[in-house]
């Protein structure tokens, strides 16, 4: 939970201006975007360019998050966190608050996008997310507080991006921030140790959340409950084994989980084609019909020839009989 002192100091209204103590850049607040355990994020404008501004009274936390963003920027082709623009301090009423400006990612929230486009998009977006997690885990980090609220789908490319890196933790340490529904510890399915399988559990829960927009609470055995919820949605049946492996911690890496998801999506593409009648069947049927018809014509023609031959023989014998009467 964010402390009330920071909220009192940072209750900024649209139009408010803050100026950095060191770099002297001025930001005009447009609106609040959200808040976390370590600060408040605002949409702001500076020099006619928009940015997301995170303000905190915890300087150590700000430095940690900036280091994470810098690490993300080294991963080429990654759709991880937003790019870091600058960091500075803001003096307000003789108190110093730290802040950093980062890229403002424009797009739909994950659940908003799914609501508009349909849950069938979930597999494709989770495939992208797992690709990003492969890179993140190789860098030695776990995202930690992975949830739909921290995911943006940019348009028109429909690319998923991670935002709010406040929960990102070095592998081997304890998770800094978490949300119960996406936390394996809450469901009794593992520790809160920062390891790849912690993020992979959260990916499975995001998948489930896409088909159950109203989140539910734990009731008894967490694993049995989640498996039952998967069974109740026929759309989740093709993903059942895939989700259960992630929930039980059976995946060793994001790469392994991604590979299974690729196979599922490929099979789904093949199924409609398998149900389509073969284009060769119709010509074969027509050929058989044509062959049968030709056979009937040939048989009729053969019968006619036989009849004519028989008549010819009878006529020949009759002529011989008449000729013999006159001899």
C-alpha atoms as a PDB file:
ATOM      1  CA  UNK A   1       0.000   0.000   0.000  1.00  0.00           C
ATOM      2  CA  UNK A   2       1.163   3.507  -0.819  1.00  0.00           C
ATOM      3  CA  UNK A   3       1.745   5.714   2.226  1.00  0.00           C
ATOM      4  CA  UNK A   4      -0.726   8.546   2.899  1.00  0.00           C
ATOM      5  CA  UNK A   5       2.055  11.130   3.202  1.00  0.00           C
ATOM      6  CA  UNK A   6       2.940  10.698  -0.474  1.00  0.00           C
ATOM      7  CA  UNK A   7      -0.712  10.973  -1.460  1.00  0.00           C
ATOM      8  CA  UNK A   8      -1.012  14.223   0.502  1.00  0.00           C
ATOM      9  CA  UNK A   9       2.078  15.628  -1.191  1.00  0.00           C
ATOM     10  CA  UNK A  10       1.282  14.366  -4.679  1.00  0.00           C
ATOM     11  CA  UNK A  11      -2.397  15.092  -5.037  1.00  0.00           C
ATOM     12  CA  UNK A  12      -1.749  16.892  -8.321  1.00  0.00           C
ATOM     13  CA  UNK A  13      -4.654  18.262 -10.336  1.00  0.00           C
ATOM     14  CA  UNK A  14      -4.702  18.644 -14.137  1.00  0.00           C
ATOM     15  CA  UNK A  15      -2.767  21.769 -15.089  1.00  0.00           C
ATOM     16  CA  UNK A  16      -0.358  21.541 -12.151  1.00  0.00           C
ATOM     17  CA  UNK A  17       3.289  22.110 -13.056  1.00  0.00           C
ATOM     18  CA  UNK A  18       6.415  20.567 -11.621  1.00  0.00           C
ATOM     19  CA  UNK A  19       9.978  21.551 -12.497  1.00  0.00           C
ATOM     20  CA  UNK A  20      13.005  19.340 -12.008  1.00  0.00           C
ATOM     21  CA  UNK A  21      15.590  20.618  -9.533  1.00  0.00           C
ATOM     22  CA  UNK A  22      18.604  19.592 -11.648  1.00  0.00           C
ATOM     23  CA  UNK A  23      17.554  19.386 -15.307  1.00  0.00           C
ATOM     24  CA  UNK A  24      15.042  22.256 -15.019  1.00  0.00           C
ATOM     25  CA  UNK A  25      12.512  20.560 -17.327  1.00  0.00           C
ATOM     26  CA  UNK A  26       8.904  21.526 -16.581  1.00  0.00           C
ATOM     27  CA  UNK A  27       6.020  19.037 -16.801  1.00  0.00           C
ATOM     28  CA  UNK A  28       2.344  19.957 -16.979  1.00  0.00           C
ATOM     29  CA  UNK A  29       0.091  17.337 -15.382  1.00  0.00           C
ATOM     30  CA  UNK A  30      -2.726  16.090 -17.614  1.00  0.00           C
ATOM     31  CA  UNK A  31      -4.219  13.348 -15.437  1.00  0.00           C
ATOM     32  CA  UNK A  32      -3.368  10.592 -12.988  1.00  0.00           C
ATOM     33  CA  UNK A  33      -2.738   7.217 -14.603  1.00  0.00           C
ATOM     34  CA  UNK A  34      -2.473   5.059 -11.498  1.00  0.00           C
ATOM     35  CA  UNK A  35      -0.702   4.377  -8.241  1.00  0.00           C
ATOM     36  CA  UNK A  36       1.328   1.599  -6.704  1.00  0.00           C
ATOM     37  CA  UNK A  37       3.142   0.760  -3.521  1.00  0.00           C
ATOM     38  CA  UNK A  38       6.041   3.049  -4.362  1.00  0.00           C
ATOM     39  CA  UNK A  39       4.522   6.038  -6.089  1.00  0.00           C
ATOM     40  CA  UNK A  40       1.954   7.725  -8.299  1.00  0.00           C
ATOM     41  CA  UNK A  41       2.082   7.828 -12.099  1.00  0.00           C
ATOM     42  CA  UNK A  42       0.780  10.837 -14.033  1.00  0.00           C
ATOM     43  CA  UNK A  43       0.344  11.613 -17.703  1.00  0.00           C
ATOM     44  CA  UNK A  44       2.234  14.840 -18.294  1.00  0.00           C
ATOM     45  CA  UNK A  45       3.455  17.049 -21.120  1.00  0.00           C
ATOM     46  CA  UNK A  46       6.819  18.732 -21.606  1.00  0.00           C
ATOM     47  CA  UNK A  47       7.975  20.592 -24.725  1.00  0.00           C
ATOM     48  CA  UNK A  48       4.821  19.449 -26.552  1.00  0.00           C
ATOM     49  CA  UNK A  49       5.658  15.806 -25.898  1.00  0.00           C
ATOM     50  CA  UNK A  50       3.744  13.480 -23.609  1.00  0.00           C
ATOM     51  CA  UNK A  51       5.387  11.310 -20.982  1.00  0.00           C
ATOM     52  CA  UNK A  52       4.441   9.122 -18.036  1.00  0.00           C
ATOM     53  CA  UNK A  53       5.783  10.645 -14.827  1.00  0.00           C
ATOM     54  CA  UNK A  54       6.300   8.533 -11.703  1.00  0.00           C
ATOM     55  CA  UNK A  55       6.721  10.457  -8.457  1.00  0.00           C
ATOM     56  CA  UNK A  56       7.829   8.855  -5.191  1.00  0.00           C
ATOM     57  CA  UNK A  57       9.188   9.771  -1.757  1.00  0.00           C
ATOM     58  CA  UNK A  58      11.297   6.604  -1.874  1.00  0.00           C
ATOM     59  CA  UNK A  59      14.486   7.543  -3.689  1.00  0.00           C
ATOM     60  CA  UNK A  60      15.928   4.024  -3.422  1.00  0.00           C
ATOM     61  CA  UNK A  61      12.851   2.573  -5.127  1.00  0.00           C
ATOM     62  CA  UNK A  62      13.055   5.131  -7.937  1.00  0.00           C
ATOM     63  CA  UNK A  63      16.725   4.308  -8.564  1.00  0.00           C
ATOM     64  CA  UNK A  64      15.930   0.587  -8.607  1.00  0.00           C
ATOM     65  CA  UNK A  65      13.131   1.050 -11.151  1.00  0.00           C
ATOM     66  CA  UNK A  66      15.328   3.223 -13.359  1.00  0.00           C
ATOM     67  CA  UNK A  67      17.985   0.521 -13.359  1.00  0.00           C
ATOM     68  CA  UNK A  68      15.355  -1.971 -14.443  1.00  0.00           C
ATOM     69  CA  UNK A  69      14.231   0.258 -17.325  1.00  0.00           C
ATOM     70  CA  UNK A  70      17.848   0.669 -18.384  1.00  0.00           C
ATOM     71  CA  UNK A  71      18.282  -3.112 -18.343  1.00  0.00           C
ATOM     72  CA  UNK A  72      15.125  -3.509 -20.454  1.00  0.00           C
ATOM     73  CA  UNK A  73      16.455  -1.044 -23.016  1.00  0.00           C
ATOM     74  CA  UNK A  74      19.435  -3.337 -23.651  1.00  0.00           C
ATOM     75  CA  UNK A  75      17.155  -6.147 -24.856  1.00  0.00           C
ATOM     76  CA  UNK A  76      16.880  -5.608 -28.603  1.00  0.00           C
ATOM     77  CA  UNK A  77      13.463  -6.169 -30.153  1.00  0.00           C
ATOM     78  CA  UNK A  78      11.863  -6.585 -26.742  1.00  0.00           C
ATOM     79  CA  UNK A  79       8.396  -5.282 -25.908  1.00  0.00           C
ATOM     80  CA  UNK A  80       9.247  -4.940 -22.248  1.00  0.00           C
ATOM     81  CA  UNK A  81       8.949  -1.790 -20.147  1.00  0.00           C
ATOM     82  CA  UNK A  82       8.765   1.757 -21.492  1.00  0.00           C
ATOM     83  CA  UNK A  83      11.969   3.606 -22.342  1.00  0.00           C
ATOM     84  CA  UNK A  84      13.465   5.895 -19.699  1.00  0.00           C
ATOM     85  CA  UNK A  85      13.566   9.601 -20.642  1.00  0.00           C
ATOM     86  CA  UNK A  86      15.105  11.280 -17.584  1.00  0.00           C
ATOM     87  CA  UNK A  87      15.225  11.323 -13.795  1.00  0.00           C
ATOM     88  CA  UNK A  88      15.202  14.294 -11.424  1.00  0.00           C
ATOM     89  CA  UNK A  89      14.036  15.626  -8.065  1.00  0.00           C
ATOM     90  CA  UNK A  90      11.125  17.931  -7.353  1.00  0.00           C
ATOM     91  CA  UNK A  91      11.177  20.287  -4.379  1.00  0.00           C
ATOM     92  CA  UNK A  92       7.752  20.866  -2.842  1.00  0.00           C
ATOM     93  CA  UNK A  93       7.249  22.667   0.472  1.00  0.00           C
ATOM     94  CA  UNK A  94      10.920  22.064   1.347  1.00  0.00           C
ATOM     95  CA  UNK A  95      10.458  18.329   0.802  1.00  0.00           C
ATOM     96  CA  UNK A  96      12.274  16.531  -1.967  1.00  0.00           C
ATOM     97  CA  UNK A  97      10.368  14.000  -4.079  1.00  0.00           C
ATOM     98  CA  UNK A  98      12.111  11.891  -6.684  1.00  0.00           C
ATOM     99  CA  UNK A  99      10.595  11.278 -10.095  1.00  0.00           C
ATOM    100  CA  UNK A 100      11.432   9.872 -13.480  1.00  0.00           C
ATOM    101  CA  UNK A 101       9.881  10.427 -16.900  1.00  0.00           C
ATOM    102  CA  UNK A 102       9.327   7.490 -19.205  1.00  0.00           C
ATOM    103  CA  UNK A 103       7.779   6.753 -22.561  1.00  0.00           C
ATOM    104  CA  UNK A 104       3.973   7.067 -22.554  1.00  0.00           C
ATOM    105  CA  UNK A 105       2.652   3.939 -24.239  1.00  0.00           C
ATOM    106  CA  UNK A 106      -0.646   4.544 -26.026  1.00  0.00           C
ATOM    107  CA  UNK A 107      -3.067   1.637 -26.339  1.00  0.00           C
ATOM    108  CA  UNK A 108      -5.816  -0.386 -24.683  1.00  0.00           C
ATOM    109  CA  UNK A 109      -5.528  -2.114 -21.350  1.00  0.00           C
ATOM    110  CA  UNK A 110      -5.294  -5.890 -21.788  1.00  0.00           C
ATOM    111  CA  UNK A 111      -8.795  -6.700 -20.496  1.00  0.00           C
ATOM    112  CA  UNK A 112     -10.286  -3.740 -22.356  1.00  0.00           C
ATOM    113  CA  UNK A 113      -8.756  -5.047 -25.587  1.00  0.00           C
ATOM    114  CA  UNK A 114      -9.988  -8.597 -24.928  1.00  0.00           C
ATOM    115  CA  UNK A 115     -13.497  -7.286 -24.167  1.00  0.00           C
ATOM    116  CA  UNK A 116     -13.529  -5.433 -27.484  1.00  0.00           C
ATOM    117  CA  UNK A 117     -11.827  -8.038 -29.686  1.00  0.00           C
ATOM    118  CA  UNK A 118     -12.813 -11.275 -27.941  1.00  0.00           C
ATOM    119  CA  UNK A 119     -11.005 -13.856 -25.732  1.00  0.00           C
ATOM    120  CA  UNK A 120      -9.705 -15.673 -28.829  1.00  0.00           C
ATOM    121  CA  UNK A 121      -6.938 -13.036 -28.938  1.00  0.00           C
ATOM    122  CA  UNK A 122      -5.610 -14.214 -25.560  1.00  0.00           C
ATOM    123  CA  UNK A 123      -3.370 -16.952 -26.973  1.00  0.00           C
ATOM    124  CA  UNK A 124      -1.667 -14.635 -29.463  1.00  0.00           C
ATOM    125  CA  UNK A 125      -1.049 -11.923 -26.846  1.00  0.00           C
ATOM    126  CA  UNK A 126       0.238 -14.406 -24.268  1.00  0.00           C
ATOM    127  CA  UNK A 127       2.613 -15.750 -26.911  1.00  0.00           C
ATOM    128  CA  UNK A 128       4.045 -12.238 -27.260  1.00  0.00           C
ATOM    129  CA  UNK A 129       4.237 -11.842 -23.485  1.00  0.00           C
ATOM    130  CA  UNK A 130       6.111 -15.126 -23.082  1.00  0.00           C
ATOM    131  CA  UNK A 131       8.598 -14.006 -25.744  1.00  0.00           C
ATOM    132  CA  UNK A 132       9.276 -10.868 -23.677  1.00  0.00           C
ATOM    133  CA  UNK A 133       9.608 -12.926 -20.489  1.00  0.00           C
ATOM    134  CA  UNK A 134      12.217 -15.141 -22.157  1.00  0.00           C
ATOM    135  CA  UNK A 135      14.364 -12.024 -22.632  1.00  0.00           C
ATOM    136  CA  UNK A 136      13.613 -10.643 -19.164  1.00  0.00           C
ATOM    137  CA  UNK A 137      14.511 -13.862 -17.362  1.00  0.00           C
ATOM    138  CA  UNK A 138      17.750 -14.175 -19.336  1.00  0.00           C
ATOM    139  CA  UNK A 139      18.651 -10.703 -18.040  1.00  0.00           C
ATOM    140  CA  UNK A 140      18.247 -12.054 -14.491  1.00  0.00           C
ATOM    141  CA  UNK A 141      14.921 -10.424 -13.608  1.00  0.00           C
ATOM    142  CA  UNK A 142      11.386 -11.583 -12.774  1.00  0.00           C
ATOM    143  CA  UNK A 143       8.534  -9.177 -13.501  1.00  0.00           C
ATOM    144  CA  UNK A 144       6.789 -10.077 -10.242  1.00  0.00           C
ATOM    145  CA  UNK A 145       3.546  -8.125 -10.226  1.00  0.00           C
ATOM    146  CA  UNK A 146       2.398  -9.439 -13.598  1.00  0.00           C
ATOM    147  CA  UNK A 147      -1.304  -8.694 -14.170  1.00  0.00           C
ATOM    148  CA  UNK A 148      -3.629  -7.231 -16.848  1.00  0.00           C
ATOM    149  CA  UNK A 149      -3.398  -3.759 -15.292  1.00  0.00           C
ATOM    150  CA  UNK A 150       0.325  -3.760 -16.105  1.00  0.00           C
ATOM    151  CA  UNK A 151      -0.186  -4.716 -19.750  1.00  0.00           C
ATOM    152  CA  UNK A 152      -0.998  -2.405 -22.666  1.00  0.00           C
ATOM    153  CA  UNK A 153      -1.916  -3.497 -26.208  1.00  0.00           C
ATOM    154  CA  UNK A 154      -0.670  -0.925 -28.711  1.00  0.00           C
ATOM    155  CA  UNK A 155      -2.485  -0.222 -31.953  1.00  0.00           C
ATOM    156  CA  UNK A 156      -2.568  -0.849 -34.861  1.00  0.00           C
ATOM    157  CA  UNK A 157       0.083  -3.570 -34.484  1.00  0.00           C
ATOM    158  CA  UNK A 158      -1.712  -5.268 -31.550  1.00  0.00           C
ATOM    159  CA  UNK A 159       1.571  -5.575 -29.663  1.00  0.00           C
ATOM    160  CA  UNK A 160       1.533  -6.239 -25.931  1.00  0.00           C
ATOM    161  CA  UNK A 161       3.771  -4.034 -23.770  1.00  0.00           C
ATOM    162  CA  UNK A 162       4.638  -4.246 -20.083  1.00  0.00           C
ATOM    163  CA  UNK A 163       4.298  -1.140 -17.924  1.00  0.00           C
ATOM    164  CA  UNK A 164       4.861  -0.308 -14.230  1.00  0.00           C
ATOM    165  CA  UNK A 165       8.054  -2.185 -13.516  1.00  0.00           C
ATOM    166  CA  UNK A 166       7.857  -1.486  -9.776  1.00  0.00           C
ATOM    167  CA  UNK A 167       7.452  -5.167  -8.915  1.00  0.00           C
ATOM    168  CA  UNK A 168      10.358  -6.373 -11.053  1.00  0.00           C
ATOM    169  CA  UNK A 169      12.811  -8.305  -8.866  1.00  0.00           C
ATOM    170  CA  UNK A 170      16.242  -9.889  -9.314  1.00  0.00           C
ATOM    171  CA  UNK A 171      16.042 -13.672  -9.569  1.00  0.00           C
ATOM    172  CA  UNK A 172      16.684 -15.302  -6.198  1.00  0.00           C
ATOM    173  CA  UNK A 173      15.231 -12.530  -4.069  1.00  0.00           C
ATOM    174  CA  UNK A 174      11.733 -12.198  -2.582  1.00  0.00           C
ATOM    175  CA  UNK A 175       8.961 -10.740  -4.741  1.00  0.00           C
ATOM    176  CA  UNK A 176       8.572  -7.037  -3.918  1.00  0.00           C
ATOM    177  CA  UNK A 177       4.981  -6.483  -5.075  1.00  0.00           C
ATOM    178  CA  UNK A 178       2.148  -8.849  -5.944  1.00  0.00           C
ATOM    179  CA  UNK A 179      -1.596  -8.964  -6.550  1.00  0.00           C
ATOM    180  CA  UNK A 180      -3.407 -11.861  -4.854  1.00  0.00           C
ATOM    181  CA  UNK A 181      -5.292 -13.285  -7.852  1.00  0.00           C
ATOM    182  CA  UNK A 182      -2.046 -13.618  -9.843  1.00  0.00           C
ATOM    183  CA  UNK A 183       0.146 -14.674  -6.909  1.00  0.00           C
ATOM    184  CA  UNK A 184       0.883 -18.390  -6.565  1.00  0.00           C
ATOM    185  CA  UNK A 185       1.452 -17.927  -2.844  1.00  0.00           C
ATOM    186  CA  UNK A 186      -2.169 -16.832  -2.416  1.00  0.00           C
ATOM    187  CA  UNK A 187      -3.376 -20.014  -4.153  1.00  0.00           C
ATOM    188  CA  UNK A 188      -1.026 -22.206  -2.120  1.00  0.00           C
ATOM    189  CA  UNK A 189       0.911 -23.232  -5.206  1.00  0.00           C
ATOM    190  CA  UNK A 190       4.405 -22.007  -4.431  1.00  0.00           C
ATOM    191  CA  UNK A 191       6.567 -19.480  -2.676  1.00  0.00           C
ATOM    192  CA  UNK A 192       7.052 -15.789  -3.378  1.00  0.00           C
ATOM    193  CA  UNK A 193      10.634 -16.343  -4.403  1.00  0.00           C
ATOM    194  CA  UNK A 194      11.595 -14.478  -7.583  1.00  0.00           C
ATOM    195  CA  UNK A 195      12.053 -17.212 -10.167  1.00  0.00           C
ATOM    196  CA  UNK A 196      10.761 -17.675 -13.747  1.00  0.00           C
ATOM    197  CA  UNK A 197       7.986 -20.071 -12.659  1.00  0.00           C
ATOM    198  CA  UNK A 198       6.484 -17.256 -10.558  1.00  0.00           C
ATOM    199  CA  UNK A 199       5.886 -15.189 -13.709  1.00  0.00           C
ATOM    200  CA  UNK A 200       4.656 -18.243 -15.636  1.00  0.00           C
ATOM    201  CA  UNK A 201       2.001 -18.898 -12.987  1.00  0.00           C
ATOM    202  CA  UNK A 202       0.843 -15.305 -13.447  1.00  0.00           C
ATOM    203  CA  UNK A 203       0.651 -15.793 -17.242  1.00  0.00           C
ATOM    204  CA  UNK A 204      -1.729 -18.733 -16.694  1.00  0.00           C
ATOM    205  CA  UNK A 205      -3.860 -16.618 -14.366  1.00  0.00           C
ATOM    206  CA  UNK A 206      -4.009 -13.774 -16.904  1.00  0.00           C
ATOM    207  CA  UNK A 207      -5.168 -16.373 -19.439  1.00  0.00           C
ATOM    208  CA  UNK A 208      -7.930 -17.485 -17.047  1.00  0.00           C
ATOM    209  CA  UNK A 209      -8.829 -13.871 -16.207  1.00  0.00           C
ATOM    210  CA  UNK A 210      -9.472 -13.206 -19.921  1.00  0.00           C
ATOM    211  CA  UNK A 211     -12.283 -15.805 -19.838  1.00  0.00           C
ATOM    212  CA  UNK A 212     -13.400 -14.899 -16.293  1.00  0.00           C
ATOM    213  CA  UNK A 213     -13.392 -11.051 -16.298  1.00  0.00           C
ATOM    214  CA  UNK A 214     -14.850 -11.055 -12.773  1.00  0.00           C
ATOM    215  CA  UNK A 215     -12.062 -12.383 -10.559  1.00  0.00           C
ATOM    216  CA  UNK A 216     -12.941 -14.968  -7.946  1.00  0.00           C
ATOM    217  CA  UNK A 217     -11.463 -15.719  -4.533  1.00  0.00           C
ATOM    218  CA  UNK A 218      -9.764 -18.879  -3.335  1.00  0.00           C
ATOM    219  CA  UNK A 219     -12.147 -21.449  -1.915  1.00  0.00           C
ATOM    220  CA  UNK A 220     -10.477 -24.545  -0.484  1.00  0.00           C
ATOM    221  CA  UNK A 221      -7.814 -26.331  -2.504  1.00  0.00           C
ATOM    222  CA  UNK A 222      -6.481 -23.663  -4.864  1.00  0.00           C
ATOM    223  CA  UNK A 223      -5.234 -26.021  -7.570  1.00  0.00           C
ATOM    224  CA  UNK A 224      -8.452 -28.083  -7.729  1.00  0.00           C
ATOM    225  CA  UNK A 225     -10.510 -24.904  -7.852  1.00  0.00           C
ATOM    226  CA  UNK A 226      -8.521 -23.457 -10.746  1.00  0.00           C
ATOM    227  CA  UNK A 227      -8.602 -26.737 -12.689  1.00  0.00           C
ATOM    228  CA  UNK A 228     -12.378 -26.862 -12.239  1.00  0.00           C
ATOM    229  CA  UNK A 229     -12.731 -23.275 -13.477  1.00  0.00           C
ATOM    230  CA  UNK A 230     -10.734 -24.223 -16.593  1.00  0.00           C
ATOM    231  CA  UNK A 231     -13.016 -27.246 -17.208  1.00  0.00           C
ATOM    232  CA  UNK A 232     -16.119 -25.063 -17.028  1.00  0.00           C
ATOM    233  CA  UNK A 233     -15.048 -22.973 -20.025  1.00  0.00           C
ATOM    234  CA  UNK A 234     -15.117 -25.007 -23.253  1.00  0.00           C
ATOM    235  CA  UNK A 235     -12.898 -22.391 -24.917  1.00  0.00           C
ATOM    236  CA  UNK A 236     -10.158 -23.242 -22.412  1.00  0.00           C
ATOM    237  CA  UNK A 237     -10.238 -26.998 -23.087  1.00  0.00           C
ATOM    238  CA  UNK A 238      -7.474 -26.874 -25.755  1.00  0.00           C
ATOM    239  CA  UNK A 239      -5.278 -25.037 -23.215  1.00  0.00           C
ATOM    240  CA  UNK A 240      -6.068 -27.267 -20.247  1.00  0.00           C
ATOM    241  CA  UNK A 241      -2.776 -29.206 -20.035  1.00  0.00           C
ATOM    242  CA  UNK A 242      -0.808 -26.073 -20.876  1.00  0.00           C
ATOM    243  CA  UNK A 243      -2.438 -24.057 -18.067  1.00  0.00           C
ATOM    244  CA  UNK A 244      -2.199 -26.866 -15.516  1.00  0.00           C
ATOM    245  CA  UNK A 245       1.539 -27.206 -16.126  1.00  0.00           C
ATOM    246  CA  UNK A 246       2.025 -23.480 -15.515  1.00  0.00           C
ATOM    247  CA  UNK A 247      -0.170 -23.491 -12.399  1.00  0.00           C
ATOM    248  CA  UNK A 248       1.696 -26.457 -10.899  1.00  0.00           C
ATOM    249  CA  UNK A 249       5.142 -25.009 -11.665  1.00  0.00           C
ATOM    250  CA  UNK A 250       6.014 -27.768 -14.155  1.00  0.00           C
ATOM    251  CA  UNK A 251       7.555 -25.408 -16.700  1.00  0.00           C
ATOM    252  CA  UNK A 252      11.273 -24.780 -16.294  1.00  0.00           C
ATOM    253  CA  UNK A 253      11.370 -21.710 -18.526  1.00  0.00           C
ATOM    254  CA  UNK A 254       9.260 -19.190 -20.424  1.00  0.00           C
ATOM    255  CA  UNK A 255      10.775 -20.600 -23.611  1.00  0.00           C
ATOM    256  CA  UNK A 256       9.395 -24.068 -22.831  1.00  0.00           C
ATOM    257  CA  UNK A 257       5.953 -22.665 -22.048  1.00  0.00           C
ATOM    258  CA  UNK A 258       6.018 -20.572 -25.214  1.00  0.00           C
ATOM    259  CA  UNK A 259       6.886 -23.651 -27.304  1.00  0.00           C
ATOM    260  CA  UNK A 260       3.798 -25.499 -26.004  1.00  0.00           C
ATOM    261  CA  UNK A 261       1.568 -22.508 -26.735  1.00  0.00           C
ATOM    262  CA  UNK A 262       2.905 -22.264 -30.299  1.00  0.00           C
ATOM    263  CA  UNK A 263       1.968 -25.927 -30.857  1.00  0.00           C
ATOM    264  CA  UNK A 264      -1.567 -25.372 -29.523  1.00  0.00           C
ATOM    265  CA  UNK A 265      -2.132 -22.335 -31.732  1.00  0.00           C
ATOM    266  CA  UNK A 266      -0.807 -24.184 -34.788  1.00  0.00           C
ATOM    267  CA  UNK A 267      -3.176 -27.087 -34.144  1.00  0.00           C
ATOM    268  CA  UNK A 268      -6.092 -24.693 -33.870  1.00  0.00           C
ATOM    269  CA  UNK A 269      -5.255 -23.270 -37.290  1.00  0.00           C
ATOM    270  CA  UNK A 270      -5.126 -26.757 -38.828  1.00  0.00           C
ATOM    271  CA  UNK A 271      -8.510 -27.891 -37.471  1.00  0.00           C
ATOM    272  CA  UNK A 272     -10.741 -25.756 -39.736  1.00  0.00           C
ATOM    273  CA  UNK A 273      -8.772 -26.908 -42.794  1.00  0.00           C
ATOM    274  CA  UNK A 274      -9.214 -30.556 -41.747  1.00  0.00           C
ATOM    275  CA  UNK A 275     -12.993 -30.086 -41.616  1.00  0.00           C
ATOM    276  CA  UNK A 276     -13.117 -28.668 -45.148  1.00  0.00           C
ATOM    277  CA  UNK A 277     -14.037 -31.282 -47.801  1.00  0.00           C
ATOM    278  CA  UNK A 278     -11.141 -32.249 -50.055  1.00  0.00           C
ATOM    279  CA  UNK A 279     -11.396 -30.423 -53.395  1.00  0.00           C
ATOM    280  CA  UNK A 280     -10.376 -33.690 -55.127  1.00  0.00           C
ATOM    281  CA  UNK A 281     -13.426 -35.604 -53.969  1.00  0.00           C
ATOM    282  CA  UNK A 282     -15.906 -33.921 -56.283  1.00  0.00           C
ATOM    283  CA  UNK A 283     -13.911 -34.562 -59.480  1.00  0.00           C
ATOM    284  CA  UNK A 284     -13.407 -38.207 -58.425  1.00  0.00           C
ATOM    285  CA  UNK A 285     -17.158 -38.594 -57.909  1.00  0.00           C
ATOM    286  CA  UNK A 286     -17.899 -37.033 -61.284  1.00  0.00           C
ATOM    287  CA  UNK A 287     -15.319 -39.331 -62.929  1.00  0.00           C
ATOM    288  CA  UNK A 288     -16.967 -42.416 -61.422  1.00  0.00           C
ATOM    289  CA  UNK A 289     -20.382 -41.269 -62.607  1.00  0.00           C
ATOM    290  CA  UNK A 290     -18.966 -40.637 -66.042  1.00  0.00           C
ATOM    291  CA  UNK A 291     -17.320 -44.076 -66.050  1.00  0.00           C
ATOM    292  CA  UNK A 292     -20.575 -45.780 -65.068  1.00  0.00           C
ATOM    293  CA  UNK A 293     -22.489 -43.902 -67.750  1.00  0.00           C
ATOM    294  CA  UNK A 294     -19.906 -44.806 -70.375  1.00  0.00           C
ATOM    295  CA  UNK A 295     -20.127 -48.453 -69.277  1.00  0.00           C
ATOM    296  CA  UNK A 296     -23.886 -48.458 -69.688  1.00  0.00           C
ATOM    297  CA  UNK A 297     -23.582 -46.984 -73.197  1.00  0.00           C
ATOM    298  CA  UNK A 298     -20.964 -49.564 -74.142  1.00  0.00           C
ATOM    299  CA  UNK A 299     -23.127 -52.388 -72.835  1.00  0.00           C
ATOM    300  CA  UNK A 300     -26.143 -51.110 -74.798  1.00  0.00           C
ATOM    301  CA  UNK A 301     -24.008 -50.798 -77.919  1.00  0.00           C
ATOM    302  CA  UNK A 302     -22.649 -54.323 -77.475  1.00  0.00           C
ATOM    303  CA  UNK A 303     -26.165 -55.730 -77.043  1.00  0.00           C
ATOM    304  CA  UNK A 304     -27.351 -54.012 -80.211  1.00  0.00           C
ATOM    305  CA  UNK A 305     -24.483 -55.482 -82.244  1.00  0.00           C
ATOM    306  CA  UNK A 306     -25.229 -58.943 -80.891  1.00  0.00           C
ATOM    307  CA  UNK A 307     -28.908 -58.581 -81.854  1.00  0.00           C
ATOM    308  CA  UNK A 308     -28.065 -57.387 -85.371  1.00  0.00           C
ATOM    309  CA  UNK A 309     -25.642 -60.279 -85.809  1.00  0.00           C
ATOM    310  CA  UNK A 310     -28.254 -62.789 -84.664  1.00  0.00           C
ATOM    311  CA  UNK A 311     -30.840 -61.314 -87.048  1.00  0.00           C
ATOM    312  CA  UNK A 312     -28.308 -61.485 -89.893  1.00  0.00           C
ATOM    313  CA  UNK A 313     -27.657 -65.153 -89.210  1.00  0.00           C
ATOM    314  CA  UNK A 314     -31.366 -65.975 -89.091  1.00  0.00           C
ATOM    315  CA  UNK A 315     -31.959 -64.097 -92.354  1.00  0.00           C
ATOM    316  CA  UNK A 316     -29.037 -65.932 -93.999  1.00  0.00           C
ATOM    317  CA  UNK A 317     -30.393 -69.321 -92.925  1.00  0.00           C
ATOM    318  CA  UNK A 318     -33.902 -68.376 -94.132  1.00  0.00           C
ATOM    319  CA  UNK A 319     -32.514 -67.400 -97.548  1.00  0.00           C
ATOM    320  CA  UNK A 320     -30.712 -70.754 -97.806  1.00  0.00           C
ATOM    321  CA  UNK A 321     -33.944 -72.580 -96.926  1.00  0.00           C
ATOM    322  CA  UNK A 322     -35.946 -70.747 -99.645  1.00  0.00           C
ATOM    323  CA  UNK A 323     -33.179 -71.303-102.209  1.00  0.00           C
ATOM    324  CA  UNK A 324     -33.232 -75.053-101.452  1.00  0.00           C
ATOM    325  CA  UNK A 325     -36.979 -75.294-102.237  1.00  0.00           C
ATOM    326  CA  UNK A 326     -36.368 -74.181-105.793  1.00  0.00           C
ATOM    327  CA  UNK A 327     -33.615 -76.724-106.555  1.00  0.00           C
END
